[in-house]
Amino acid sequence: MTDKETIRERVWDALDESGVARFPFPPHGRIPNFAGAATAADRLADTDAWQSADVVKANPDAPQLPVRRRALRDGKTVYMAVPRLRDEECFLELDPDAIDPENYDSAPALSNVDEYATQVGPDAVPRIDLVVSGSVAVTEDGARIGKGEGYSDLEYAILRDLGLVAARGSDRTANGETAGTTVATTVHERQIVEDATPDDHDVPMDLVVTPERTIETETPYERPEGVDWSALSEERIAEIPVLERLRPDETL
C-alpha cells in the first residue's frame, strides 16, 4: 500500500508537469486547482443529490469556487468553515437571498467571503443536505486524500456529533425516501488514483465528479460517527473552541 504523502506528491507533480494545474501555484501543499473545475461543478449540478439539496457545506478552496458560485445561483444556502475552525462561531453562512445576484460570483471567493457572509456558530447551522469536499486524490470507490491537515474530516465529524449530517441512507423520511447526507468531491481525472486506503477518521465520497464523468462510488467505506477524541491532542483541542465545547466529560 502506498502511503498518503507519496500519493499526494505524485498527484501534485502530475498536475504541475501536465499543465493541468491552475492558479494558485504551485499546486503542491494545497487542494489543487485544475483546468475544467467549472465544468466539473456544472456536472455535479446535474446530479439528483445536488438538485434535491437546499443547504450545501463546501470547502473554501479554489477548485470548488465554481461549486460555491453555482450553489448561490441555484438558490442554495452555502456554509464554509472558518479557516482552521479558529472561532467559536466557526461557520460562514452565505444566504443567496441576502446577496445581490450581481455578487454571486464574487461572494463565495475566500478573499471576499467576509464581506458577504454571516459568521455563525454550529447551533445556527441547519441540517446539511450535501457536503462538497476538496481533494488531492480520490479513488473510484470513494477513498479520499486531502492535503494532510485533517480539517475537512474534522468538520464533518463535528457536524455528525451535532446531528447536522447523517450517514447516507441511515435516515428515512415518512415517505421512505433516503434523507442521508451525500458527500461529493470535484477533481481532475489525473487526481483519480487506485492505491489509496482511508483511515478510520477519513470521510469517504459518495460522488466523484470530474470534467468528463460522474462516478457514483457505492463506497464500501464507513463514515466516522463523530469526533474521535482519542486521536486528538490536548493542543489541537485547545486550538479549536468548538471542540472544547463539545468535548465529553470522560475525556478530561
C-alpha atoms as a PDB file:
ATOM      1  CA  MET A   1       0.000   0.000   0.000  1.00  0.00           C
ATOM      2  CA  THR A   2       1.354   3.412  -0.992  1.00  0.00           C
ATOM      3  CA  ASP A   3       1.424   5.948   1.832  1.00  0.00           C
ATOM      4  CA  LYS A   4      -0.688   9.081   1.530  1.00  0.00           C
ATOM      5  CA  GLU A   5       2.183  11.557   1.280  1.00  0.00           C
ATOM      6  CA  THR A   6       3.691   9.646  -1.642  1.00  0.00           C
ATOM      7  CA  ILE A   7       0.329   9.758  -3.425  1.00  0.00           C
ATOM      8  CA  ARG A   8      -0.040  13.474  -2.746  1.00  0.00           C
ATOM      9  CA  GLU A   9       3.379  14.277  -4.182  1.00  0.00           C
ATOM     10  CA  ARG A  10       2.716  12.104  -7.225  1.00  0.00           C
ATOM     11  CA  VAL A  11      -0.594  13.834  -7.965  1.00  0.00           C
ATOM     12  CA  TRP A  12       0.748  17.344  -7.343  1.00  0.00           C
ATOM     13  CA  ASP A  13       3.675  16.637  -9.675  1.00  0.00           C
ATOM     14  CA  ALA A  14       1.367  15.219 -12.354  1.00  0.00           C
ATOM     15  CA  LEU A  15      -0.911  18.264 -12.293  1.00  0.00           C
ATOM     16  CA  ASP A  16       2.069  20.612 -12.392  1.00  0.00           C
ATOM     17  CA  GLU A  17       4.016  18.862 -15.118  1.00  0.00           C
ATOM     18  CA  SER A  18       0.981  18.302 -17.371  1.00  0.00           C
ATOM     19  CA  GLY A  19      -0.112  21.937 -17.264  1.00  0.00           C
ATOM     20  CA  VAL A  20      -3.463  20.949 -15.751  1.00  0.00           C
ATOM     21  CA  ALA A  21      -2.870  22.938 -12.544  1.00  0.00           C
ATOM     22  CA  ARG A  22      -4.411  26.378 -12.336  1.00  0.00           C
ATOM     23  CA  PHE A  23      -3.845  29.369 -10.011  1.00  0.00           C
ATOM     24  CA  PRO A  24      -2.821  29.421  -7.218  1.00  0.00           C
ATOM     25  CA  PHE A  25       0.604  27.980  -7.957  1.00  0.00           C
ATOM     26  CA  PRO A  26       2.289  25.710  -7.216  1.00  0.00           C
ATOM     27  CA  PRO A  27      -0.371  23.010  -6.676  1.00  0.00           C
ATOM     28  CA  HIS A  28       1.826  21.399  -4.020  1.00  0.00           C
ATOM     29  CA  GLY A  29       0.776  21.670  -0.400  1.00  0.00           C
ATOM     30  CA  ARG A  30      -2.814  22.617  -1.169  1.00  0.00           C
ATOM     31  CA  ILE A  31      -6.103  21.343  -2.560  1.00  0.00           C
ATOM     32  CA  PRO A  32      -5.019  21.866  -6.163  1.00  0.00           C
ATOM     33  CA  ASN A  33      -6.981  23.942  -8.632  1.00  0.00           C
ATOM     34  CA  PHE A  34      -7.360  22.367 -12.054  1.00  0.00           C
ATOM     35  CA  ALA A  35      -8.419  23.030 -15.633  1.00  0.00           C
ATOM     36  CA  GLY A  36     -12.090  22.223 -16.063  1.00  0.00           C
ATOM     37  CA  ALA A  37     -13.143  22.937 -12.467  1.00  0.00           C
ATOM     38  CA  ALA A  38     -16.177  24.906 -13.667  1.00  0.00           C
ATOM     39  CA  THR A  39     -17.200  22.056 -15.964  1.00  0.00           C
ATOM     40  CA  ALA A  40     -16.961  19.616 -13.065  1.00  0.00           C
ATOM     41  CA  ALA A  41     -19.153  21.955 -10.988  1.00  0.00           C
ATOM     42  CA  ASP A  42     -21.771  22.008 -13.739  1.00  0.00           C
ATOM     43  CA  ARG A  43     -21.655  18.221 -13.945  1.00  0.00           C
ATOM     44  CA  LEU A  44     -22.176  17.998 -10.173  1.00  0.00           C
ATOM     45  CA  ALA A  45     -25.175  20.313 -10.559  1.00  0.00           C
ATOM     46  CA  ASP A  46     -26.770  17.741 -12.875  1.00  0.00           C
ATOM     47  CA  THR A  47     -26.909  15.099 -10.127  1.00  0.00           C
ATOM     48  CA  ASP A  48     -30.002  14.245  -8.117  1.00  0.00           C
ATOM     49  CA  ALA A  49     -28.059  14.925  -4.901  1.00  0.00           C
ATOM     50  CA  TRP A  50     -27.408  18.493  -5.985  1.00  0.00           C
ATOM     51  CA  GLN A  51     -30.877  19.193  -7.296  1.00  0.00           C
ATOM     52  CA  SER A  52     -32.552  17.971  -4.097  1.00  0.00           C
ATOM     53  CA  ALA A  53     -30.200  19.929  -1.791  1.00  0.00           C
ATOM     54  CA  ASP A  54     -31.190  23.215  -0.181  1.00  0.00           C
ATOM     55  CA  VAL A  55     -28.169  23.525   2.111  1.00  0.00           C
ATOM     56  CA  VAL A  56     -24.593  22.848   0.952  1.00  0.00           C
ATOM     57  CA  LYS A  57     -21.467  22.748   3.102  1.00  0.00           C
ATOM     58  CA  ALA A  58     -18.432  23.370   0.888  1.00  0.00           C
ATOM     59  CA  ASN A  59     -14.701  23.695   1.364  1.00  0.00           C
ATOM     60  CA  PRO A  60     -13.175  27.136   0.734  1.00  0.00           C
ATOM     61  CA  ASP A  61     -10.512  26.107  -1.796  1.00  0.00           C
ATOM     62  CA  ALA A  62     -10.096  27.483  -5.314  1.00  0.00           C
ATOM     63  CA  PRO A  63     -11.145  24.375  -7.302  1.00  0.00           C
ATOM     64  CA  GLN A  64     -14.530  24.363  -5.545  1.00  0.00           C
ATOM     65  CA  LEU A  65     -15.195  28.090  -6.094  1.00  0.00           C
ATOM     66  CA  PRO A  66     -17.317  27.237  -9.175  1.00  0.00           C
ATOM     67  CA  VAL A  67     -19.349  24.872  -6.979  1.00  0.00           C
ATOM     68  CA  ARG A  68     -19.999  27.603  -4.427  1.00  0.00           C
ATOM     69  CA  ARG A  69     -20.936  30.072  -7.164  1.00  0.00           C
ATOM     70  CA  ARG A  70     -23.313  27.587  -8.770  1.00  0.00           C
ATOM     71  CA  ALA A  71     -24.917  26.880  -5.387  1.00  0.00           C
ATOM     72  CA  LEU A  72     -25.749  30.567  -4.870  1.00  0.00           C
ATOM     73  CA  ARG A  73     -27.072  30.890  -8.412  1.00  0.00           C
ATOM     74  CA  ASP A  74     -29.276  27.850  -7.778  1.00  0.00           C
ATOM     75  CA  GLY A  75     -30.688  29.364  -4.588  1.00  0.00           C
ATOM     76  CA  LYS A  76     -28.844  27.134  -2.125  1.00  0.00           C
ATOM     77  CA  THR A  77     -27.513  28.342   1.211  1.00  0.00           C
ATOM     78  CA  VAL A  78     -23.778  27.707   1.452  1.00  0.00           C
ATOM     79  CA  TYR A  79     -21.761  27.090   4.612  1.00  0.00           C
ATOM     80  CA  MET A  80     -17.979  27.306   4.713  1.00  0.00           C
ATOM     81  CA  ALA A  81     -15.848  26.615   7.766  1.00  0.00           C
ATOM     82  CA  VAL A  82     -13.813  29.416   9.271  1.00  0.00           C
ATOM     83  CA  PRO A  83     -10.142  28.590   8.480  1.00  0.00           C
ATOM     84  CA  ARG A  84      -8.806  26.084  10.999  1.00  0.00           C
ATOM     85  CA  LEU A  85     -12.101  26.332  12.926  1.00  0.00           C
ATOM     86  CA  ARG A  86     -10.364  29.004  14.969  1.00  0.00           C
ATOM     87  CA  ASP A  87     -13.521  30.772  16.243  1.00  0.00           C
ATOM     88  CA  GLU A  88     -16.431  29.645  18.416  1.00  0.00           C
ATOM     89  CA  GLU A  89     -18.673  30.844  15.583  1.00  0.00           C
ATOM     90  CA  CYS A  90     -16.859  28.541  13.216  1.00  0.00           C
ATOM     91  CA  PHE A  91     -19.015  28.659  10.078  1.00  0.00           C
ATOM     92  CA  LEU A  92     -19.636  31.288   7.406  1.00  0.00           C
ATOM     93  CA  GLU A  93     -23.182  31.410   6.049  1.00  0.00           C
ATOM     94  CA  LEU A  94     -23.816  32.623   2.511  1.00  0.00           C
ATOM     95  CA  ASP A  95     -27.556  33.167   2.032  1.00  0.00           C
ATOM     96  CA  PRO A  96     -28.438  33.790  -1.620  1.00  0.00           C
ATOM     97  CA  ASP A  97     -31.484  35.813  -0.553  1.00  0.00           C
ATOM     98  CA  ALA A  98     -29.230  38.220   1.350  1.00  0.00           C
ATOM     99  CA  ILE A  99     -26.758  38.740  -1.507  1.00  0.00           C
ATOM    100  CA  ASP A 100     -27.293  40.773  -4.662  1.00  0.00           C
ATOM    101  CA  PRO A 101     -27.284  38.297  -7.563  1.00  0.00           C
ATOM    102  CA  GLU A 102     -24.691  40.504  -9.258  1.00  0.00           C
ATOM    103  CA  ASN A 103     -22.327  39.457  -6.455  1.00  0.00           C
ATOM    104  CA  TYR A 104     -22.916  35.700  -6.592  1.00  0.00           C
ATOM    105  CA  ASP A 105     -19.606  35.157  -8.395  1.00  0.00           C
ATOM    106  CA  SER A 106     -17.517  37.259  -6.019  1.00  0.00           C
ATOM    107  CA  ALA A 107     -19.219  36.482  -2.691  1.00  0.00           C
ATOM    108  CA  PRO A 108     -18.010  32.878  -2.211  1.00  0.00           C
ATOM    109  CA  ALA A 109     -14.369  33.629  -3.056  1.00  0.00           C
ATOM    110  CA  LEU A 110     -12.231  33.240   0.047  1.00  0.00           C
ATOM    111  CA  SER A 111     -10.823  36.750  -0.429  1.00  0.00           C
ATOM    112  CA  ASN A 112     -14.333  38.268  -0.405  1.00  0.00           C
ATOM    113  CA  VAL A 113     -16.440  35.978   1.750  1.00  0.00           C
ATOM    114  CA  ASP A 114     -16.140  38.012   4.950  1.00  0.00           C
ATOM    115  CA  GLU A 115     -17.873  40.904   3.185  1.00  0.00           C
ATOM    116  CA  TYR A 116     -20.927  38.844   2.255  1.00  0.00           C
ATOM    117  CA  ALA A 117     -21.174  36.045   4.814  1.00  0.00           C
ATOM    118  CA  THR A 118     -22.637  35.922   8.289  1.00  0.00           C
ATOM    119  CA  GLN A 119     -20.395  34.185  10.796  1.00  0.00           C
ATOM    120  CA  VAL A 120     -22.441  31.743  12.872  1.00  0.00           C
ATOM    121  CA  GLY A 121     -21.948  29.081  15.497  1.00  0.00           C
ATOM    122  CA  PRO A 122     -22.905  25.436  14.991  1.00  0.00           C
ATOM    123  CA  ASP A 123     -26.266  25.999  16.715  1.00  0.00           C
ATOM    124  CA  ALA A 124     -27.318  28.261  13.833  1.00  0.00           C
ATOM    125  CA  VAL A 125     -26.467  25.719  11.119  1.00  0.00           C
ATOM    126  CA  PRO A 126     -29.419  23.692   9.749  1.00  0.00           C
ATOM    127  CA  ARG A 127     -29.294  20.105   8.562  1.00  0.00           C
ATOM    128  CA  ILE A 128     -26.782  19.801   5.707  1.00  0.00           C
ATOM    129  CA  ASP A 129     -28.084  18.151   2.534  1.00  0.00           C
ATOM    130  CA  LEU A 130     -24.817  17.952   0.586  1.00  0.00           C
ATOM    131  CA  VAL A 131     -21.176  18.163   1.632  1.00  0.00           C
ATOM    132  CA  VAL A 132     -18.633  19.108  -1.045  1.00  0.00           C
ATOM    133  CA  SER A 133     -15.014  18.359  -0.176  1.00  0.00           C
ATOM    134  CA  GLY A 134     -11.799  19.311  -1.891  1.00  0.00           C
ATOM    135  CA  SER A 135      -9.346  16.511  -2.612  1.00  0.00           C
ATOM    136  CA  VAL A 136      -5.755  15.976  -3.569  1.00  0.00           C
ATOM    137  CA  ALA A 137      -6.525  12.425  -4.684  1.00  0.00           C
ATOM    138  CA  VAL A 138      -9.509  10.087  -4.636  1.00  0.00           C
ATOM    139  CA  THR A 139     -10.302   6.549  -5.741  1.00  0.00           C
ATOM    140  CA  GLU A 140     -13.275   5.407  -7.765  1.00  0.00           C
ATOM    141  CA  ASP A 141     -14.636   3.683  -4.658  1.00  0.00           C
ATOM    142  CA  GLY A 142     -14.576   6.887  -2.665  1.00  0.00           C
ATOM    143  CA  ALA A 143     -11.351   6.845  -0.628  1.00  0.00           C
ATOM    144  CA  ARG A 144     -10.237  10.480  -0.377  1.00  0.00           C
ATOM    145  CA  ILE A 145      -6.850  12.019   0.392  1.00  0.00           C
ATOM    146  CA  GLY A 146      -6.757  15.673   1.430  1.00  0.00           C
ATOM    147  CA  LYS A 147      -3.719  17.885   1.874  1.00  0.00           C
ATOM    148  CA  GLY A 148      -2.902  16.274   5.217  1.00  0.00           C
ATOM    149  CA  GLU A 149      -4.147  18.702   7.868  1.00  0.00           C
ATOM    150  CA  GLY A 150      -7.362  16.821   8.622  1.00  0.00           C
ATOM    151  CA  TYR A 151      -9.708  19.792   8.921  1.00  0.00           C
ATOM    152  CA  SER A 152     -12.228  18.608   6.315  1.00  0.00           C
ATOM    153  CA  ASP A 153     -12.732  15.291   8.100  1.00  0.00           C
ATOM    154  CA  LEU A 154     -12.853  17.029  11.476  1.00  0.00           C
ATOM    155  CA  GLU A 155     -15.505  19.463  10.232  1.00  0.00           C
ATOM    156  CA  TYR A 156     -17.630  16.526   9.103  1.00  0.00           C
ATOM    157  CA  ALA A 157     -17.128  14.748  12.445  1.00  0.00           C
ATOM    158  CA  ILE A 158     -18.233  17.854  14.350  1.00  0.00           C
ATOM    159  CA  LEU A 159     -21.335  18.188  12.179  1.00  0.00           C
ATOM    160  CA  ARG A 160     -22.066  14.495  12.721  1.00  0.00           C
ATOM    161  CA  ASP A 161     -21.818  14.882  16.504  1.00  0.00           C
ATOM    162  CA  LEU A 162     -24.260  17.784  16.268  1.00  0.00           C
ATOM    163  CA  GLY A 163     -26.720  15.757  14.199  1.00  0.00           C
ATOM    164  CA  LEU A 164     -26.353  18.032  11.169  1.00  0.00           C
ATOM    165  CA  VAL A 165     -25.168  15.330   8.762  1.00  0.00           C
ATOM    166  CA  ALA A 166     -26.186  11.698   8.579  1.00  0.00           C
ATOM    167  CA  ALA A 167     -24.727   8.564   7.091  1.00  0.00           C
ATOM    168  CA  ARG A 168     -26.158   8.135   3.634  1.00  0.00           C
ATOM    169  CA  GLY A 169     -29.294   6.035   3.822  1.00  0.00           C
ATOM    170  CA  SER A 170     -29.278   5.830   7.610  1.00  0.00           C
ATOM    171  CA  ASP A 171     -32.311   8.063   7.988  1.00  0.00           C
ATOM    172  CA  ARG A 172     -35.561   7.864   6.089  1.00  0.00           C
ATOM    173  CA  THR A 173     -38.429  10.267   5.731  1.00  0.00           C
ATOM    174  CA  ALA A 174     -42.058   9.408   6.414  1.00  0.00           C
ATOM    175  CA  ASN A 175     -42.367   8.521   2.720  1.00  0.00           C
ATOM    176  CA  GLY A 176     -39.495   6.069   2.975  1.00  0.00           C
ATOM    177  CA  GLU A 177     -37.101   8.266   0.974  1.00  0.00           C
ATOM    178  CA  THR A 178     -33.453   8.438   1.913  1.00  0.00           C
ATOM    179  CA  ALA A 179     -32.630  11.518   3.989  1.00  0.00           C
ATOM    180  CA  GLY A 180     -28.920  10.944   4.449  1.00  0.00           C
ATOM    181  CA  THR A 181     -26.220  13.454   3.561  1.00  0.00           C
ATOM    182  CA  THR A 182     -24.372  12.953   0.281  1.00  0.00           C
ATOM    183  CA  VAL A 183     -20.643  13.714   0.252  1.00  0.00           C
ATOM    184  CA  ALA A 184     -19.065  14.680  -3.072  1.00  0.00           C
ATOM    185  CA  THR A 185     -15.798  15.963  -4.496  1.00  0.00           C
ATOM    186  CA  THR A 186     -14.850  17.615  -7.777  1.00  0.00           C
ATOM    187  CA  VAL A 187     -11.429  16.709  -9.188  1.00  0.00           C
ATOM    188  CA  HIS A 188      -9.460  16.339 -12.412  1.00  0.00           C
ATOM    189  CA  GLU A 189      -9.077  12.882 -13.918  1.00  0.00           C
ATOM    190  CA  ARG A 190      -5.368  12.989 -13.016  1.00  0.00           C
ATOM    191  CA  GLN A 191      -6.379  13.099  -9.349  1.00  0.00           C
ATOM    192  CA  ILE A 192      -8.108   9.728  -9.513  1.00  0.00           C
ATOM    193  CA  VAL A 193      -5.811   7.019  -8.159  1.00  0.00           C
ATOM    194  CA  GLU A 194      -6.044   3.310  -7.415  1.00  0.00           C
ATOM    195  CA  ASP A 195      -3.810   2.840  -4.399  1.00  0.00           C
ATOM    196  CA  ALA A 196      -5.375   4.867  -1.577  1.00  0.00           C
ATOM    197  CA  THR A 197      -6.883   3.348   1.557  1.00  0.00           C
ATOM    198  CA  PRO A 198      -8.732   5.557   4.073  1.00  0.00           C
ATOM    199  CA  ASP A 199      -8.026   5.777   7.777  1.00  0.00           C
ATOM    200  CA  ASP A 200     -10.874   5.413  10.269  1.00  0.00           C
ATOM    201  CA  HIS A 201     -11.341   9.193  10.570  1.00  0.00           C
ATOM    202  CA  ASP A 202     -11.437   9.773   6.797  1.00  0.00           C
ATOM    203  CA  VAL A 203     -14.788  10.613   5.212  1.00  0.00           C
ATOM    204  CA  PRO A 204     -15.398   8.604   2.022  1.00  0.00           C
ATOM    205  CA  MET A 205     -17.024  10.158  -1.037  1.00  0.00           C
ATOM    206  CA  ASP A 206     -20.391   9.133  -2.470  1.00  0.00           C
ATOM    207  CA  LEU A 207     -19.821  11.081  -5.680  1.00  0.00           C
ATOM    208  CA  VAL A 208     -16.577  11.803  -7.514  1.00  0.00           C
ATOM    209  CA  VAL A 209     -17.099  14.312 -10.319  1.00  0.00           C
ATOM    210  CA  THR A 210     -14.556  15.246 -12.976  1.00  0.00           C
ATOM    211  CA  PRO A 211     -14.996  17.435 -16.083  1.00  0.00           C
ATOM    212  CA  GLU A 212     -15.537  14.212 -18.039  1.00  0.00           C
ATOM    213  CA  ARG A 213     -17.686  11.964 -15.824  1.00  0.00           C
ATOM    214  CA  THR A 214     -19.674  11.433 -12.649  1.00  0.00           C
ATOM    215  CA  ILE A 215     -18.769   8.406 -10.540  1.00  0.00           C
ATOM    216  CA  GLU A 216     -21.289   7.031  -8.081  1.00  0.00           C
ATOM    217  CA  THR A 217     -18.781   5.274  -5.861  1.00  0.00           C
ATOM    218  CA  GLU A 218     -21.083   2.961  -3.901  1.00  0.00           C
ATOM    219  CA  THR A 219     -18.280   3.288  -1.392  1.00  0.00           C
ATOM    220  CA  PRO A 220     -17.628   0.304   0.884  1.00  0.00           C
ATOM    221  CA  TYR A 221     -16.011   2.524   3.497  1.00  0.00           C
ATOM    222  CA  GLU A 222     -17.817   3.587   6.649  1.00  0.00           C
ATOM    223  CA  ARG A 223     -18.086   7.217   7.617  1.00  0.00           C
ATOM    224  CA  PRO A 224     -16.855   8.304  11.029  1.00  0.00           C
ATOM    225  CA  GLU A 225     -19.730   8.514  13.508  1.00  0.00           C
ATOM    226  CA  GLY A 226     -18.357  11.659  15.135  1.00  0.00           C
ATOM    227  CA  VAL A 227     -15.201  13.108  16.597  1.00  0.00           C
ATOM    228  CA  ASP A 228     -12.543  10.545  17.515  1.00  0.00           C
ATOM    229  CA  TRP A 229     -11.380  12.180  20.730  1.00  0.00           C
ATOM    230  CA  SER A 230      -8.633   9.617  21.265  1.00  0.00           C
ATOM    231  CA  ALA A 231      -6.950  10.826  18.065  1.00  0.00           C
ATOM    232  CA  LEU A 232      -6.829  14.493  19.141  1.00  0.00           C
ATOM    233  CA  SER A 233      -4.058  16.017  21.185  1.00  0.00           C
ATOM    234  CA  GLU A 234      -4.754  18.418  24.036  1.00  0.00           C
ATOM    235  CA  GLU A 235      -3.069  21.123  21.962  1.00  0.00           C
ATOM    236  CA  ARG A 236      -5.387  20.515  18.984  1.00  0.00           C
ATOM    237  CA  ILE A 237      -8.483  20.600  21.186  1.00  0.00           C
ATOM    238  CA  ALA A 238      -7.333  23.828  22.847  1.00  0.00           C
ATOM    239  CA  GLU A 239      -6.856  25.480  19.435  1.00  0.00           C
ATOM    240  CA  ILE A 240     -10.453  24.799  18.327  1.00  0.00           C
ATOM    241  CA  PRO A 241     -13.130  26.352  20.566  1.00  0.00           C
ATOM    242  CA  VAL A 242     -15.977  24.178  19.288  1.00  0.00           C
ATOM    243  CA  LEU A 243     -14.039  21.083  20.333  1.00  0.00           C
ATOM    244  CA  GLU A 244     -13.613  22.454  23.831  1.00  0.00           C
ATOM    245  CA  ARG A 245     -17.372  22.946  23.938  1.00  0.00           C
ATOM    246  CA  LEU A 246     -18.312  19.512  22.568  1.00  0.00           C
ATOM    247  CA  ARG A 247     -15.708  17.543  24.498  1.00  0.00           C
ATOM    248  CA  PRO A 248     -17.242  14.750  26.620  1.00  0.00           C
ATOM    249  CA  ASP A 249     -16.520  14.917  30.338  1.00  0.00           C
ATOM    250  CA  GLU A 250     -14.896  11.490  30.336  1.00  0.00           C
ATOM    251  CA  THR A 251     -12.076  12.738  28.080  1.00  0.00           C
ATOM    252  CA  LEU A 252     -10.995  15.429  30.545  1.00  0.00           C
END
